[in-house]
N, C-alpha and C. Protein backbone atom coordinates (compact mmCIF):
# COMPACT_ATOMS: atom_id res chain seq x y z
N MET A 1 -2.57 -13.33 9.82
CA MET A 1 -1.74 -12.42 9.10
C MET A 1 -1.53 -12.96 7.68
N ILE A 2 -1.44 -12.11 6.71
CA ILE A 2 -1.22 -12.41 5.31
C ILE A 2 0.27 -12.62 5.08
N TYR A 3 0.67 -13.70 4.42
CA TYR A 3 2.03 -13.88 4.09
C TYR A 3 2.32 -13.26 2.69
N ASP A 4 3.25 -12.30 2.70
CA ASP A 4 3.69 -11.70 1.43
C ASP A 4 5.08 -11.91 1.14
N GLY A 5 5.64 -12.93 1.64
CA GLY A 5 7.05 -13.28 1.55
C GLY A 5 7.51 -13.52 0.09
N TRP A 6 6.64 -13.65 -0.85
CA TRP A 6 7.11 -13.98 -2.21
C TRP A 6 8.00 -12.87 -2.71
N MET A 7 7.76 -11.61 -2.38
CA MET A 7 8.63 -10.59 -2.78
C MET A 7 10.01 -10.70 -2.19
N ALA A 8 10.08 -11.00 -0.92
CA ALA A 8 11.35 -11.21 -0.23
C ALA A 8 12.09 -12.40 -0.83
N ASP A 9 11.31 -13.41 -1.24
CA ASP A 9 11.86 -14.63 -1.79
C ASP A 9 12.63 -14.31 -3.09
N TYR A 10 12.22 -13.22 -3.74
CA TYR A 10 12.88 -12.76 -4.99
C TYR A 10 13.96 -11.66 -4.69
N GLY A 11 14.12 -11.35 -3.43
CA GLY A 11 15.11 -10.35 -3.09
C GLY A 11 14.62 -8.95 -3.23
N ILE A 12 13.31 -8.78 -3.36
CA ILE A 12 12.77 -7.39 -3.46
C ILE A 12 12.49 -6.85 -2.04
N ILE A 13 13.29 -5.90 -1.69
CA ILE A 13 13.13 -5.30 -0.33
C ILE A 13 12.84 -3.86 -0.35
N HIS A 14 13.18 -3.14 -1.43
CA HIS A 14 12.88 -1.71 -1.55
C HIS A 14 11.70 -1.56 -2.54
N VAL A 15 10.58 -1.19 -1.99
CA VAL A 15 9.36 -1.13 -2.84
C VAL A 15 8.70 0.23 -2.76
N GLU A 16 7.99 0.56 -3.83
CA GLU A 16 7.17 1.77 -3.88
C GLU A 16 5.77 1.37 -4.30
N PHE A 17 4.80 1.81 -3.53
CA PHE A 17 3.42 1.48 -3.81
C PHE A 17 2.75 2.73 -4.36
N GLU A 18 2.09 2.63 -5.44
CA GLU A 18 1.35 3.76 -6.05
C GLU A 18 -0.12 3.38 -5.94
N LEU A 19 -0.89 4.22 -5.24
CA LEU A 19 -2.30 4.03 -5.02
C LEU A 19 -3.06 5.18 -5.59
N ASP A 20 -4.27 4.89 -6.11
CA ASP A 20 -5.11 6.02 -6.64
C ASP A 20 -6.19 6.44 -5.63
N CYS A 21 -6.03 6.04 -4.42
CA CYS A 21 -6.98 6.47 -3.34
C CYS A 21 -6.24 7.35 -2.34
N LYS A 22 -6.38 8.64 -2.42
CA LYS A 22 -5.62 9.56 -1.56
C LYS A 22 -5.91 9.29 -0.13
N THR A 23 -7.16 8.92 0.25
CA THR A 23 -7.53 8.68 1.65
C THR A 23 -6.64 7.59 2.19
N VAL A 24 -6.51 6.49 1.47
CA VAL A 24 -5.73 5.32 1.93
C VAL A 24 -4.24 5.72 2.05
N VAL A 25 -3.74 6.48 1.04
CA VAL A 25 -2.32 6.94 1.07
C VAL A 25 -2.13 7.83 2.31
N ASP A 26 -2.99 8.69 2.53
CA ASP A 26 -2.88 9.57 3.70
C ASP A 26 -2.87 8.81 4.99
N ARG A 27 -3.77 7.84 5.10
CA ARG A 27 -3.84 7.02 6.31
C ARG A 27 -2.56 6.20 6.52
N LEU A 28 -2.01 5.60 5.46
CA LEU A 28 -0.84 4.83 5.55
C LEU A 28 0.40 5.64 5.87
N ASN A 29 0.43 6.91 5.41
CA ASN A 29 1.55 7.72 5.63
C ASN A 29 1.40 8.53 7.04
N SER A 30 0.33 8.49 7.65
CA SER A 30 0.16 9.21 8.93
C SER A 30 0.31 8.32 10.11
N SER A 31 0.52 8.91 11.26
CA SER A 31 0.62 8.15 12.47
C SER A 31 -0.64 8.37 13.40
N GLY A 32 -1.60 9.07 12.85
CA GLY A 32 -2.80 9.34 13.57
C GLY A 32 -3.78 8.18 13.68
N GLN A 33 -4.89 8.41 14.32
CA GLN A 33 -5.89 7.38 14.46
C GLN A 33 -6.68 7.19 13.19
N ASP A 34 -7.11 5.99 12.96
CA ASP A 34 -7.89 5.65 11.73
C ASP A 34 -9.38 5.57 12.05
N CYS A 35 -10.12 5.65 11.01
CA CYS A 35 -11.55 5.49 11.11
C CYS A 35 -11.80 4.02 11.53
N PRO A 36 -12.69 3.77 12.51
CA PRO A 36 -12.91 2.41 13.06
C PRO A 36 -13.23 1.39 11.94
N LYS A 37 -13.95 1.84 10.90
CA LYS A 37 -14.36 0.84 9.85
C LYS A 37 -13.20 0.38 9.03
N VAL A 38 -12.16 1.18 8.84
CA VAL A 38 -11.05 0.77 8.05
C VAL A 38 -9.75 0.67 8.85
N GLY A 39 -9.83 0.95 10.06
CA GLY A 39 -8.61 0.94 10.85
C GLY A 39 -7.88 -0.38 10.93
N VAL A 40 -8.63 -1.45 11.03
CA VAL A 40 -8.03 -2.78 11.12
C VAL A 40 -7.27 -3.10 9.80
N ILE A 41 -7.87 -2.72 8.66
CA ILE A 41 -7.27 -2.98 7.38
C ILE A 41 -6.01 -2.15 7.18
N ILE A 42 -6.11 -0.86 7.59
CA ILE A 42 -4.94 0.03 7.48
C ILE A 42 -3.85 -0.49 8.37
N HIS A 43 -4.16 -0.93 9.58
CA HIS A 43 -3.04 -1.43 10.46
C HIS A 43 -2.41 -2.69 9.89
N GLU A 44 -3.22 -3.52 9.26
CA GLU A 44 -2.66 -4.71 8.60
C GLU A 44 -1.76 -4.36 7.50
N CYS A 45 -2.12 -3.34 6.70
CA CYS A 45 -1.30 -2.83 5.60
C CYS A 45 0.05 -2.25 6.16
N ILE A 46 -0.13 -1.46 7.19
CA ILE A 46 1.13 -0.88 7.85
C ILE A 46 2.01 -2.00 8.31
N TYR A 47 1.53 -3.05 8.90
CA TYR A 47 2.32 -4.22 9.28
C TYR A 47 3.05 -4.77 8.10
N LEU A 48 2.33 -5.00 7.02
CA LEU A 48 2.95 -5.54 5.80
C LEU A 48 4.03 -4.63 5.25
N LEU A 49 3.85 -3.35 5.32
CA LEU A 49 4.89 -2.44 4.88
C LEU A 49 6.18 -2.48 5.70
N THR A 50 6.01 -2.81 6.96
CA THR A 50 7.23 -2.98 7.78
C THR A 50 8.14 -4.10 7.39
N GLN A 51 7.66 -4.96 6.47
CA GLN A 51 8.48 -6.06 6.01
C GLN A 51 9.54 -5.62 5.05
N TYR A 52 9.46 -4.35 4.61
CA TYR A 52 10.41 -3.83 3.57
C TYR A 52 11.30 -2.72 4.16
N GLN A 53 12.41 -2.47 3.50
CA GLN A 53 13.29 -1.36 3.92
C GLN A 53 12.82 -0.10 3.22
N ASN A 54 12.48 0.88 4.00
CA ASN A 54 12.05 2.20 3.53
C ASN A 54 10.96 2.12 2.40
N PRO A 55 9.77 1.49 2.71
CA PRO A 55 8.72 1.49 1.71
C PRO A 55 8.21 2.85 1.47
N ARG A 56 7.77 3.12 0.28
CA ARG A 56 7.13 4.42 -0.03
C ARG A 56 5.70 4.12 -0.52
N VAL A 57 4.81 4.93 -0.06
CA VAL A 57 3.41 4.83 -0.50
C VAL A 57 3.09 6.21 -1.08
N MET A 58 2.67 6.21 -2.35
CA MET A 58 2.52 7.49 -3.05
C MET A 58 1.10 7.46 -3.71
N PHE A 59 0.61 8.65 -3.82
CA PHE A 59 -0.70 8.89 -4.49
C PHE A 59 -0.46 9.16 -5.97
N VAL A 60 -1.14 8.49 -6.84
CA VAL A 60 -1.07 8.71 -8.27
C VAL A 60 -2.50 8.81 -8.77
N LYS A 61 -2.84 9.85 -9.52
CA LYS A 61 -4.21 9.97 -10.07
C LYS A 61 -4.47 8.82 -11.00
N ARG A 62 -5.72 8.30 -10.87
CA ARG A 62 -6.07 7.14 -11.71
C ARG A 62 -5.85 7.36 -13.22
N GLN A 63 -6.05 8.62 -13.68
CA GLN A 63 -5.86 8.92 -15.10
C GLN A 63 -4.37 8.79 -15.46
N ALA A 64 -3.48 9.02 -14.54
CA ALA A 64 -2.05 8.94 -14.78
C ALA A 64 -1.57 7.47 -14.69
N ASN A 65 -2.38 6.63 -14.16
CA ASN A 65 -1.99 5.24 -13.97
C ASN A 65 -3.07 4.29 -14.59
N ILE A 66 -3.62 4.62 -15.75
CA ILE A 66 -4.66 3.99 -16.35
C ILE A 66 -4.33 2.52 -16.70
N ALA A 67 -3.15 2.19 -17.06
CA ALA A 67 -2.77 0.81 -17.33
C ALA A 67 -2.90 -0.09 -16.15
N ALA A 68 -2.43 0.35 -15.07
CA ALA A 68 -2.54 -0.44 -13.81
C ALA A 68 -3.97 -0.55 -13.41
N HIS A 69 -4.72 0.51 -13.49
CA HIS A 69 -6.13 0.45 -13.09
C HIS A 69 -6.90 -0.51 -14.03
N THR A 70 -6.63 -0.50 -15.28
CA THR A 70 -7.33 -1.37 -16.23
C THR A 70 -7.01 -2.84 -15.87
N LEU A 71 -5.78 -3.17 -15.51
CA LEU A 71 -5.48 -4.52 -15.11
C LEU A 71 -6.11 -4.83 -13.75
N ALA A 72 -6.22 -3.97 -12.87
CA ALA A 72 -6.77 -4.25 -11.54
C ALA A 72 -8.27 -4.55 -11.62
N VAL A 73 -8.98 -4.03 -12.53
CA VAL A 73 -10.47 -4.23 -12.57
C VAL A 73 -10.80 -5.40 -13.38
N ARG A 74 -9.82 -6.07 -14.02
CA ARG A 74 -10.15 -7.27 -14.83
C ARG A 74 -10.11 -8.50 -13.97
């Protein structure tokens, strides 16, 4: 398992995640079965989300979040 406790170490417990991949957002927000190829990754992400109180995962178009996308690809 991945340790993501650094956010909790800073007292961050209410988080919102904005992703520009609608498929991933839909999978994280649904309770249905996942595609076998990405299912393990999605389940790991869901486990990490349970570490927070009321986490929100939202879809944001890449064009609307260009600053974050630019930083992510560097």
